[in-house]
mmCIF file of all heavy atoms, coordinates in Angstrom:
data_MODEL
# 
_entry.id   MODEL 
# 
loop_
_atom_site.group_PDB 
_atom_site.id 
_atom_site.type_symbol 
_atom_site.label_atom_id 
_atom_site.label_alt_id 
_atom_site.label_comp_id 
_atom_site.label_asym_id 
_atom_site.label_entity_id 
_atom_site.label_seq_id 
_atom_site.pdbx_PDB_ins_code 
_atom_site.Cartn_x 
_atom_site.Cartn_y 
_atom_site.Cartn_z 
_atom_site.occupancy 
_atom_site.B_iso_or_equiv 
_atom_site.pdbx_formal_charge 
_atom_site.auth_seq_id 
_atom_site.auth_comp_id 
_atom_site.auth_asym_id 
_atom_site.auth_atom_id 
_atom_site.pdbx_PDB_model_num 
ATOM 1   N N   . SER A 1 1  ? 81.599 202.036 41.335 1.00 0.00 ? 1  SER A N   1 
ATOM 2   C CA  . SER A 1 1  ? 81.280 203.368 40.821 1.00 0.00 ? 1  SER A CA  1 
ATOM 3   C C   . SER A 1 1  ? 80.877 203.307 39.352 1.00 0.00 ? 1  SER A C   1 
ATOM 4   O O   . SER A 1 1  ? 79.911 203.949 38.931 1.00 0.00 ? 1  SER A O   1 
ATOM 5   C CB  . SER A 1 1  ? 82.489 204.293 41.005 1.00 0.00 ? 1  SER A CB  1 
ATOM 6   O OG  . SER A 1 1  ? 82.222 205.557 40.472 1.00 0.00 ? 1  SER A OG  1 
ATOM 7   N N   . GLU A 1 2  ? 81.610 202.545 38.562 1.00 0.00 ? 2  GLU A N   1 
ATOM 8   C CA  . GLU A 1 2  ? 81.274 202.398 37.150 1.00 0.00 ? 2  GLU A CA  1 
ATOM 9   C C   . GLU A 1 2  ? 79.914 201.748 36.958 1.00 0.00 ? 2  GLU A C   1 
ATOM 10  O O   . GLU A 1 2  ? 79.125 202.177 36.117 1.00 0.00 ? 2  GLU A O   1 
ATOM 11  C CB  . GLU A 1 2  ? 82.351 201.587 36.426 1.00 0.00 ? 2  GLU A CB  1 
ATOM 12  C CG  . GLU A 1 2  ? 83.640 202.329 36.206 1.00 0.00 ? 2  GLU A CG  1 
ATOM 13  C CD  . GLU A 1 2  ? 84.652 201.500 35.455 1.00 0.00 ? 2  GLU A CD  1 
ATOM 14  O OE1 . GLU A 1 2  ? 84.665 200.247 35.601 1.00 0.00 ? 2  GLU A OE1 1 
ATOM 15  O OE2 . GLU A 1 2  ? 85.453 202.102 34.715 1.00 0.00 ? 2  GLU A OE2 1 
ATOM 16  N N   . LEU A 1 3  ? 79.629 200.713 37.735 1.00 0.00 ? 3  LEU A N   1 
ATOM 17  C CA  . LEU A 1 3  ? 78.335 200.033 37.647 1.00 0.00 ? 3  LEU A CA  1 
ATOM 18  C C   . LEU A 1 3  ? 77.207 200.976 38.026 1.00 0.00 ? 3  LEU A C   1 
ATOM 19  O O   . LEU A 1 3  ? 76.172 201.043 37.354 1.00 0.00 ? 3  LEU A O   1 
ATOM 20  C CB  . LEU A 1 3  ? 78.312 198.789 38.521 1.00 0.00 ? 3  LEU A CB  1 
ATOM 21  C CG  . LEU A 1 3  ? 76.998 198.003 38.536 1.00 0.00 ? 3  LEU A CG  1 
ATOM 22  C CD1 . LEU A 1 3  ? 76.616 197.538 37.137 1.00 0.00 ? 3  LEU A CD1 1 
ATOM 23  C CD2 . LEU A 1 3  ? 77.099 196.834 39.497 1.00 0.00 ? 3  LEU A CD2 1 
ATOM 24  N N   . MET A 1 4  ? 77.406 201.743 39.089 1.00 0.00 ? 4  MET A N   1 
ATOM 25  C CA  . MET A 1 4  ? 76.392 202.707 39.513 1.00 0.00 ? 4  MET A CA  1 
ATOM 26  C C   . MET A 1 4  ? 76.143 203.744 38.419 1.00 0.00 ? 4  MET A C   1 
ATOM 27  O O   . MET A 1 4  ? 75.013 204.162 38.194 1.00 0.00 ? 4  MET A O   1 
ATOM 28  C CB  . MET A 1 4  ? 76.825 203.387 40.807 1.00 0.00 ? 4  MET A CB  1 
ATOM 29  C CG  . MET A 1 4  ? 76.959 202.435 41.983 1.00 0.00 ? 4  MET A CG  1 
ATOM 30  S SD  . MET A 1 4  ? 75.388 201.810 42.569 1.00 0.00 ? 4  MET A SD  1 
ATOM 31  C CE  . MET A 1 4  ? 74.799 203.247 43.417 1.00 0.00 ? 4  MET A CE  1 
ATOM 32  N N   . GLN A 1 5  ? 77.202 204.170 37.719 1.00 0.00 ? 5  GLN A N   1 
ATOM 33  C CA  . GLN A 1 5  ? 77.057 205.148 36.638 1.00 0.00 ? 5  GLN A CA  1 
ATOM 34  C C   . GLN A 1 5  ? 76.249 204.562 35.480 1.00 0.00 ? 5  GLN A C   1 
ATOM 35  O O   . GLN A 1 5  ? 75.391 205.232 34.911 1.00 0.00 ? 5  GLN A O   1 
ATOM 36  C CB  . GLN A 1 5  ? 78.423 205.619 36.150 1.00 0.00 ? 5  GLN A CB  1 
ATOM 37  C CG  . GLN A 1 5  ? 78.331 206.743 35.135 1.00 0.00 ? 5  GLN A CG  1 
ATOM 38  C CD  . GLN A 1 5  ? 77.676 207.986 35.707 1.00 0.00 ? 5  GLN A CD  1 
ATOM 39  O OE1 . GLN A 1 5  ? 78.102 208.489 36.735 1.00 0.00 ? 5  GLN A OE1 1 
ATOM 40  N NE2 . GLN A 1 5  ? 76.653 208.491 35.056 1.00 0.00 ? 5  GLN A NE2 1 
ATOM 41  N N   . VAL A 1 6  ? 76.515 203.312 35.146 1.00 0.00 ? 6  VAL A N   1 
ATOM 42  C CA  . VAL A 1 6  ? 75.768 202.656 34.070 1.00 0.00 ? 6  VAL A CA  1 
ATOM 43  C C   . VAL A 1 6  ? 74.288 202.561 34.431 1.00 0.00 ? 6  VAL A C   1 
ATOM 44  O O   . VAL A 1 6  ? 73.412 202.853 33.605 1.00 0.00 ? 6  VAL A O   1 
ATOM 45  C CB  . VAL A 1 6  ? 76.344 201.253 33.769 1.00 0.00 ? 6  VAL A CB  1 
ATOM 46  C CG1 . VAL A 1 6  ? 75.430 200.452 32.865 1.00 0.00 ? 6  VAL A CG1 1 
ATOM 47  C CG2 . VAL A 1 6  ? 77.736 201.380 33.153 1.00 0.00 ? 6  VAL A CG2 1 
ATOM 48  N N   . ILE A 1 7  ? 73.995 202.188 35.655 1.00 0.00 ? 7  ILE A N   1 
ATOM 49  C CA  . ILE A 1 7  ? 72.596 202.093 36.099 1.00 0.00 ? 7  ILE A CA  1 
ATOM 50  C C   . ILE A 1 7  ? 71.953 203.471 36.100 1.00 0.00 ? 7  ILE A C   1 
ATOM 51  O O   . ILE A 1 7  ? 70.811 203.638 35.627 1.00 0.00 ? 7  ILE A O   1 
ATOM 52  C CB  . ILE A 1 7  ? 72.515 201.422 37.485 1.00 0.00 ? 7  ILE A CB  1 
ATOM 53  C CG1 . ILE A 1 7  ? 72.929 199.951 37.369 1.00 0.00 ? 7  ILE A CG1 1 
ATOM 54  C CG2 . ILE A 1 7  ? 71.098 201.555 38.065 1.00 0.00 ? 7  ILE A CG2 1 
ATOM 55  C CD1 . ILE A 1 7  ? 73.121 199.252 38.692 1.00 0.00 ? 7  ILE A CD1 1 
ATOM 56  N N   . SER A 1 8  ? 72.670 204.476 36.571 1.00 0.00 ? 8  SER A N   1 
ATOM 57  C CA  . SER A 1 8  ? 72.162 205.844 36.575 1.00 0.00 ? 8  SER A CA  1 
ATOM 58  C C   . SER A 1 8  ? 71.884 206.326 35.155 1.00 0.00 ? 8  SER A C   1 
ATOM 59  O O   . SER A 1 8  ? 70.836 206.935 34.887 1.00 0.00 ? 8  SER A O   1 
ATOM 60  C CB  . SER A 1 8  ? 73.173 206.759 37.263 1.00 0.00 ? 8  SER A CB  1 
ATOM 61  O OG  . SER A 1 8  ? 72.736 208.089 37.238 1.00 0.00 ? 8  SER A OG  1 
ATOM 62  N N   . ASP A 1 9  ? 72.808 206.056 34.237 1.00 0.00 ? 9  ASP A N   1 
ATOM 63  C CA  . ASP A 1 9  ? 72.620 206.447 32.834 1.00 0.00 ? 9  ASP A CA  1 
ATOM 64  C C   . ASP A 1 9  ? 71.391 205.776 32.233 1.00 0.00 ? 9  ASP A C   1 
ATOM 65  O O   . ASP A 1 9  ? 70.649 206.395 31.464 1.00 0.00 ? 9  ASP A O   1 
ATOM 66  C CB  . ASP A 1 9  ? 73.854 206.100 32.007 1.00 0.00 ? 9  ASP A CB  1 
ATOM 67  C CG  . ASP A 1 9  ? 75.073 206.943 32.346 1.00 0.00 ? 9  ASP A CG  1 
ATOM 68  O OD1 . ASP A 1 9  ? 74.920 207.979 33.037 1.00 0.00 ? 9  ASP A OD1 1 
ATOM 69  O OD2 . ASP A 1 9  ? 76.183 206.550 31.921 1.00 0.00 ? 9  ASP A OD2 1 
ATOM 70  N N   . TYR A 1 10 ? 71.172 204.512 32.575 1.00 0.00 ? 10 TYR A N   1 
ATOM 71  C CA  . TYR A 1 10 ? 70.008 203.784 32.075 1.00 0.00 ? 10 TYR A CA  1 
ATOM 72  C C   . TYR A 1 10 ? 68.709 204.476 32.501 1.00 0.00 ? 10 TYR A C   1 
ATOM 73  O O   . TYR A 1 10 ? 67.825 204.724 31.680 1.00 0.00 ? 10 TYR A O   1 
ATOM 74  C CB  . TYR A 1 10 ? 70.025 202.334 32.575 1.00 0.00 ? 10 TYR A CB  1 
ATOM 75  C CG  . TYR A 1 10 ? 68.731 201.613 32.291 1.00 0.00 ? 10 TYR A CG  1 
ATOM 76  C CD1 . TYR A 1 10 ? 68.479 201.087 31.026 1.00 0.00 ? 10 TYR A CD1 1 
ATOM 77  C CD2 . TYR A 1 10 ? 67.750 201.481 33.271 1.00 0.00 ? 10 TYR A CD2 1 
ATOM 78  C CE1 . TYR A 1 10 ? 67.281 200.449 30.749 1.00 0.00 ? 10 TYR A CE1 1 
ATOM 79  C CE2 . TYR A 1 10 ? 66.555 200.844 33.003 1.00 0.00 ? 10 TYR A CE2 1 
ATOM 80  C CZ  . TYR A 1 10 ? 66.323 200.329 31.736 1.00 0.00 ? 10 TYR A CZ  1 
ATOM 81  O OH  . TYR A 1 10 ? 65.134 199.704 31.463 1.00 0.00 ? 10 TYR A OH  1 
ATOM 82  N N   . PHE A 1 11 ? 68.593 204.809 33.788 1.00 0.00 ? 11 PHE A N   1 
ATOM 83  C CA  . PHE A 1 11 ? 67.361 205.430 34.268 1.00 0.00 ? 11 PHE A CA  1 
ATOM 84  C C   . PHE A 1 11 ? 67.199 206.855 33.737 1.00 0.00 ? 11 PHE A C   1 
ATOM 85  O O   . PHE A 1 11 ? 66.074 207.311 33.485 1.00 0.00 ? 11 PHE A O   1 
ATOM 86  C CB  . PHE A 1 11 ? 67.273 205.365 35.789 1.00 0.00 ? 11 PHE A CB  1 
ATOM 87  C CG  . PHE A 1 11 ? 66.899 203.998 36.276 1.00 0.00 ? 11 PHE A CG  1 
ATOM 88  C CD1 . PHE A 1 11 ? 67.829 203.206 36.932 1.00 0.00 ? 11 PHE A CD1 1 
ATOM 89  C CD2 . PHE A 1 11 ? 65.630 203.489 36.056 1.00 0.00 ? 11 PHE A CD2 1 
ATOM 90  C CE1 . PHE A 1 11 ? 67.493 201.926 37.375 1.00 0.00 ? 11 PHE A CE1 1 
ATOM 91  C CE2 . PHE A 1 11 ? 65.280 202.212 36.490 1.00 0.00 ? 11 PHE A CE2 1 
ATOM 92  C CZ  . PHE A 1 11 ? 66.210 201.428 37.144 1.00 0.00 ? 11 PHE A CZ  1 
ATOM 93  N N   . ALA A 1 12 ? 68.306 207.562 33.532 1.00 0.00 ? 12 ALA A N   1 
ATOM 94  C CA  . ALA A 1 12 ? 68.228 208.898 32.933 1.00 0.00 ? 12 ALA A CA  1 
ATOM 95  C C   . ALA A 1 12 ? 67.712 208.801 31.502 1.00 0.00 ? 12 ALA A C   1 
ATOM 96  O O   . ALA A 1 12 ? 66.879 209.606 31.072 1.00 0.00 ? 12 ALA A O   1 
ATOM 97  C CB  . ALA A 1 12 ? 69.597 209.568 32.967 1.00 0.00 ? 12 ALA A CB  1 
ATOM 98  N N   . LYS A 1 13 ? 68.173 207.798 30.762 1.00 0.00 ? 13 LYS A N   1 
ATOM 99  C CA  . LYS A 1 13 ? 67.701 207.585 29.388 1.00 0.00 ? 13 LYS A CA  1 
ATOM 100 C C   . LYS A 1 13 ? 66.208 207.256 29.383 1.00 0.00 ? 13 LYS A C   1 
ATOM 101 O O   . LYS A 1 13 ? 65.449 207.756 28.536 1.00 0.00 ? 13 LYS A O   1 
ATOM 102 C CB  . LYS A 1 13 ? 68.498 206.459 28.734 1.00 0.00 ? 13 LYS A CB  1 
ATOM 103 C CG  . LYS A 1 13 ? 68.102 206.165 27.302 1.00 0.00 ? 13 LYS A CG  1 
ATOM 104 C CD  . LYS A 1 13 ? 68.986 205.070 26.707 1.00 0.00 ? 13 LYS A CD  1 
ATOM 105 C CE  . LYS A 1 13 ? 68.593 204.758 25.285 1.00 0.00 ? 13 LYS A CE  1 
ATOM 106 N NZ  . LYS A 1 13 ? 67.681 203.627 25.178 1.00 0.00 ? 13 LYS A NZ  1 
ATOM 107 N N   . GLN A 1 14 ? 65.775 206.429 30.316 1.00 0.00 ? 14 GLN A N   1 
ATOM 108 C CA  . GLN A 1 14 ? 64.352 206.088 30.402 1.00 0.00 ? 14 GLN A CA  1 
ATOM 109 C C   . GLN A 1 14 ? 63.514 207.333 30.685 1.00 0.00 ? 14 GLN A C   1 
ATOM 110 O O   . GLN A 1 14 ? 62.446 207.519 30.098 1.00 0.00 ? 14 GLN A O   1 
ATOM 111 C CB  . GLN A 1 14 ? 64.120 205.041 31.494 1.00 0.00 ? 14 GLN A CB  1 
ATOM 112 C CG  . GLN A 1 14 ? 64.769 203.704 31.235 1.00 0.00 ? 14 GLN A CG  1 
ATOM 113 C CD  . GLN A 1 14 ? 64.232 203.040 29.988 1.00 0.00 ? 14 GLN A CD  1 
ATOM 114 O OE1 . GLN A 1 14 ? 63.044 202.860 29.840 1.00 0.00 ? 14 GLN A OE1 1 
ATOM 115 N NE2 . GLN A 1 14 ? 65.128 202.703 29.073 1.00 0.00 ? 14 GLN A NE2 1 
ATOM 116 N N   . ALA A 1 15 ? 64.001 208.199 31.572 1.00 0.00 ? 15 ALA A N   1 
ATOM 117 C CA  . ALA A 1 15 ? 63.278 209.430 31.890 1.00 0.00 ? 15 ALA A CA  1 
ATOM 118 C C   . ALA A 1 15 ? 63.220 210.348 30.676 1.00 0.00 ? 15 ALA A C   1 
ATOM 119 O O   . ALA A 1 15 ? 62.163 210.928 30.381 1.00 0.00 ? 15 ALA A O   1 
ATOM 120 C CB  . ALA A 1 15 ? 63.948 210.145 33.071 1.00 0.00 ? 15 ALA A CB  1 
ATOM 121 N N   . ASP A 1 16 ? 64.329 210.480 29.952 1.00 0.00 ? 16 ASP A N   1 
ATOM 122 C CA  . ASP A 1 16 ? 64.350 211.304 28.745 1.00 0.00 ? 16 ASP A CA  1 
ATOM 123 C C   . ASP A 1 16 ? 63.345 210.800 27.711 1.00 0.00 ? 16 ASP A C   1 
ATOM 124 O O   . ASP A 1 16 ? 62.628 211.590 27.093 1.00 0.00 ? 16 ASP A O   1 
ATOM 125 C CB  . ASP A 1 16 ? 65.742 211.326 28.114 1.00 0.00 ? 16 ASP A CB  1 
ATOM 126 C CG  . ASP A 1 16 ? 66.721 212.217 28.840 1.00 0.00 ? 16 ASP A CG  1 
ATOM 127 O OD1 . ASP A 1 16 ? 66.274 213.077 29.635 1.00 0.00 ? 16 ASP A OD1 1 
ATOM 128 O OD2 . ASP A 1 16 ? 67.938 212.065 28.599 1.00 0.00 ? 16 ASP A OD2 1 
ATOM 129 N N   . GLU A 1 17 ? 63.298 209.490 27.533 1.00 0.00 ? 17 GLU A N   1 
ATOM 130 C CA  . GLU A 1 17 ? 62.371 208.914 26.564 1.00 0.00 ? 17 GLU A CA  1 
ATOM 131 C C   . GLU A 1 17 ? 60.916 209.166 26.974 1.00 0.00 ? 17 GLU A C   1 
ATOM 132 O O   . GLU A 1 17 ? 60.069 209.452 26.129 1.00 0.00 ? 17 GLU A O   1 
ATOM 133 C CB  . GLU A 1 17 ? 62.630 207.416 26.395 1.00 0.00 ? 17 GLU A CB  1 
ATOM 134 C CG  . GLU A 1 17 ? 63.923 207.126 25.658 1.00 0.00 ? 17 GLU A CG  1 
ATOM 135 C CD  . GLU A 1 17 ? 64.275 205.652 25.610 1.00 0.00 ? 17 GLU A CD  1 
ATOM 136 O OE1 . GLU A 1 17 ? 63.501 204.814 26.154 1.00 0.00 ? 17 GLU A OE1 1 
ATOM 137 O OE2 . GLU A 1 17 ? 65.334 205.323 25.041 1.00 0.00 ? 17 GLU A OE2 1 
ATOM 138 N N   . GLU A 1 18 ? 60.624 209.094 28.254 1.00 0.00 ? 18 GLU A N   1 
ATOM 139 C CA  . GLU A 1 18 ? 59.267 209.344 28.731 1.00 0.00 ? 18 GLU A CA  1 
ATOM 140 C C   . GLU A 1 18 ? 58.889 210.813 28.560 1.00 0.00 ? 18 GLU A C   1 
ATOM 141 O O   . GLU A 1 18 ? 57.769 211.128 28.153 1.00 0.00 ? 18 GLU A O   1 
ATOM 142 C CB  . GLU A 1 18 ? 59.114 208.917 30.185 1.00 0.00 ? 18 GLU A CB  1 
ATOM 143 C CG  . GLU A 1 18 ? 57.729 209.120 30.756 1.00 0.00 ? 18 GLU A CG  1 
ATOM 144 C CD  . GLU A 1 18 ? 56.641 208.286 30.073 1.00 0.00 ? 18 GLU A CD  1 
ATOM 145 O OE1 . GLU A 1 18 ? 56.955 207.368 29.291 1.00 0.00 ? 18 GLU A OE1 1 
ATOM 146 O OE2 . GLU A 1 18 ? 55.452 208.577 30.315 1.00 0.00 ? 18 GLU A OE2 1 
ATOM 147 N N   . ILE A 1 19 ? 59.824 211.706 28.840 1.00 0.00 ? 19 ILE A N   1 
ATOM 148 C CA  . ILE A 1 19 ? 59.563 213.134 28.636 1.00 0.00 ? 19 ILE A CA  1 
ATOM 149 C C   . ILE A 1 19 ? 59.309 213.413 27.158 1.00 0.00 ? 19 ILE A C   1 
ATOM 150 O O   . ILE A 1 19 ? 58.381 214.156 26.810 1.00 0.00 ? 19 ILE A O   1 
ATOM 151 C CB  . ILE A 1 19 ? 60.730 213.986 29.179 1.00 0.00 ? 19 ILE A CB  1 
ATOM 152 C CG1 . ILE A 1 19 ? 60.729 213.936 30.702 1.00 0.00 ? 19 ILE A CG1 1 
ATOM 153 C CG2 . ILE A 1 19 ? 60.652 215.427 28.672 1.00 0.00 ? 19 ILE A CG2 1 
ATOM 154 C CD1 . ILE A 1 19 ? 61.954 214.538 31.346 1.00 0.00 ? 19 ILE A CD1 1 
ATOM 155 N N   . ASP A 1 20 ? 60.109 212.804 26.277 1.00 0.00 ? 20 ASP A N   1 
ATOM 156 C CA  . ASP A 1 20 ? 59.887 212.967 24.835 1.00 0.00 ? 20 ASP A CA  1 
ATOM 157 C C   . ASP A 1 20 ? 58.507 212.461 24.431 1.00 0.00 ? 20 ASP A C   1 
ATOM 158 O O   . ASP A 1 20 ? 57.809 213.094 23.637 1.00 0.00 ? 20 ASP A O   1 
ATOM 159 C CB  . ASP A 1 20 ? 60.962 212.229 24.035 1.00 0.00 ? 20 ASP A CB  1 
ATOM 160 C CG  . ASP A 1 20 ? 62.333 212.887 24.115 1.00 0.00 ? 20 ASP A CG  1 
ATOM 161 O OD1 . ASP A 1 20 ? 62.408 214.061 24.546 1.00 0.00 ? 20 ASP A OD1 1 
ATOM 162 O OD2 . ASP A 1 20 ? 63.325 212.220 23.756 1.00 0.00 ? 20 ASP A OD2 1 
ATOM 163 N N   . ARG A 1 21 ? 58.087 211.327 24.988 1.00 0.00 ? 21 ARG A N   1 
ATOM 164 C CA  . ARG A 1 21 ? 56.774 210.770 24.666 1.00 0.00 ? 21 ARG A CA  1 
ATOM 165 C C   . ARG A 1 21 ? 55.662 211.705 25.132 1.00 0.00 ? 21 ARG A C   1 
ATOM 166 O O   . ARG A 1 21 ? 54.702 211.963 24.399 1.00 0.00 ? 21 ARG A O   1 
ATOM 167 C CB  . ARG A 1 21 ? 56.588 209.389 25.300 1.00 0.00 ? 21 ARG A CB  1 
ATOM 168 C CG  . ARG A 1 21 ? 55.274 208.704 24.899 1.00 0.00 ? 21 ARG A CG  1 
ATOM 169 C CD  . ARG A 1 21 ? 54.986 207.486 25.748 1.00 0.00 ? 21 ARG A CD  1 
ATOM 170 N NE  . ARG A 1 21 ? 54.701 207.819 27.131 1.00 0.00 ? 21 ARG A NE  1 
ATOM 171 C CZ  . ARG A 1 21 ? 53.545 208.326 27.562 1.00 0.00 ? 21 ARG A CZ  1 
ATOM 172 N NH1 . ARG A 1 21 ? 52.566 208.603 26.734 1.00 0.00 ? 21 ARG A NH1 1 
ATOM 173 N NH2 . ARG A 1 21 ? 53.371 208.573 28.850 1.00 0.00 ? 21 ARG A NH2 1 
ATOM 174 N N   . LEU A 1 22 ? 55.790 212.239 26.344 1.00 0.00 ? 22 LEU A N   1 
ATOM 175 C CA  . LEU A 1 22 ? 54.792 213.167 26.867 1.00 0.00 ? 22 LEU A CA  1 
ATOM 176 C C   . LEU A 1 22 ? 54.709 214.418 26.005 1.00 0.00 ? 22 LEU A C   1 
ATOM 177 O O   . LEU A 1 22 ? 53.627 214.952 25.757 1.00 0.00 ? 22 LEU A O   1 
ATOM 178 C CB  . LEU A 1 22 ? 55.116 213.540 28.316 1.00 0.00 ? 22 LEU A CB  1 
ATOM 179 C CG  . LEU A 1 22 ? 54.967 212.426 29.349 1.00 0.00 ? 22 LEU A CG  1 
ATOM 180 C CD1 . LEU A 1 22 ? 55.531 212.868 30.688 1.00 0.00 ? 22 LEU A CD1 1 
ATOM 181 C CD2 . LEU A 1 22 ? 53.526 211.986 29.483 1.00 0.00 ? 22 LEU A CD2 1 
ATOM 182 N N   . TRP A 1 23 ? 55.864 214.888 25.523 1.00 0.00 ? 23 TRP A N   1 
ATOM 183 C CA  . TRP A 1 23 ? 55.902 216.072 24.679 1.00 0.00 ? 23 TRP A CA  1 
ATOM 184 C C   . TRP A 1 23 ? 55.219 215.777 23.335 1.00 0.00 ? 23 TRP A C   1 
ATOM 185 O O   . TRP A 1 23 ? 54.397 216.560 22.861 1.00 0.00 ? 23 TRP A O   1 
ATOM 186 C CB  . TRP A 1 23 ? 57.345 216.512 24.462 1.00 0.00 ? 23 TRP A CB  1 
ATOM 187 C CG  . TRP A 1 23 ? 57.454 217.926 23.972 1.00 0.00 ? 23 TRP A CG  1 
ATOM 188 C CD1 . TRP A 1 23 ? 57.397 218.340 22.678 1.00 0.00 ? 23 TRP A CD1 1 
ATOM 189 C CD2 . TRP A 1 23 ? 57.613 219.102 24.757 1.00 0.00 ? 23 TRP A CD2 1 
ATOM 190 N NE1 . TRP A 1 23 ? 57.521 219.700 22.614 1.00 0.00 ? 23 TRP A NE1 1 
ATOM 191 C CE2 . TRP A 1 23 ? 57.666 220.202 23.873 1.00 0.00 ? 23 TRP A CE2 1 
ATOM 192 C CE3 . TRP A 1 23 ? 57.743 219.336 26.122 1.00 0.00 ? 23 TRP A CE3 1 
ATOM 193 C CZ2 . TRP A 1 23 ? 57.820 221.501 24.314 1.00 0.00 ? 23 TRP A CZ2 1 
ATOM 194 C CZ3 . TRP A 1 23 ? 57.907 220.637 26.552 1.00 0.00 ? 23 TRP A CZ3 1 
ATOM 195 C CH2 . TRP A 1 23 ? 57.942 221.695 25.649 1.00 0.00 ? 23 TRP A CH2 1 
ATOM 196 N N   . GLU A 1 24 ? 55.552 214.633 22.743 1.00 0.00 ? 24 GLU A N   1 
ATOM 197 C CA  . GLU A 1 24 ? 54.972 214.250 21.452 1.00 0.00 ? 24 GLU A CA  1 
ATOM 198 C C   . GLU A 1 24 ? 53.464 214.039 21.553 1.00 0.00 ? 24 GLU A C   1 
ATOM 199 O O   . GLU A 1 24 ? 52.727 214.348 20.611 1.00 0.00 ? 24 GLU A O   1 
ATOM 200 C CB  . GLU A 1 24 ? 55.646 212.989 20.919 1.00 0.00 ? 24 GLU A CB  1 
ATOM 201 C CG  . GLU A 1 24 ? 57.070 213.225 20.456 1.00 0.00 ? 24 GLU A CG  1 
ATOM 202 C CD  . GLU A 1 24 ? 57.816 211.942 20.166 1.00 0.00 ? 24 GLU A CD  1 
ATOM 203 O OE1 . GLU A 1 24 ? 57.194 210.853 20.182 1.00 0.00 ? 24 GLU A OE1 1 
ATOM 204 O OE2 . GLU A 1 24 ? 59.042 212.020 19.924 1.00 0.00 ? 24 GLU A OE2 1 
ATOM 205 N N   . ASP A 1 25 ? 53.000 213.527 22.684 1.00 0.00 ? 25 ASP A N   1 
ATOM 206 C CA  . ASP A 1 25 ? 51.568 213.288 22.879 1.00 0.00 ? 25 ASP A CA  1 
ATOM 207 C C   . ASP A 1 25 ? 50.810 214.546 23.286 1.00 0.00 ? 25 ASP A C   1 
ATOM 208 O O   . ASP A 1 25 ? 49.596 214.515 23.439 1.00 0.00 ? 25 ASP A O   1 
ATOM 209 C CB  . ASP A 1 25 ? 51.338 212.202 23.943 1.00 0.00 ? 25 ASP A CB  1 
ATOM 210 C CG  . ASP A 1 25 ? 51.789 210.828 23.470 1.00 0.00 ? 25 ASP A CG  1 
ATOM 211 O OD1 . ASP A 1 25 ? 52.059 210.658 22.263 1.00 0.00 ? 25 ASP A OD1 1 
ATOM 212 O OD2 . ASP A 1 25 ? 51.875 209.910 24.316 1.00 0.00 ? 25 ASP A OD2 1 
# 
């Protein structure tokens, strides 16, 4: 469960960064 949460958090962070990039562009 902890490992799955870490992986989930990683992909959520990647999505947030991409949304920020799209907004900035």
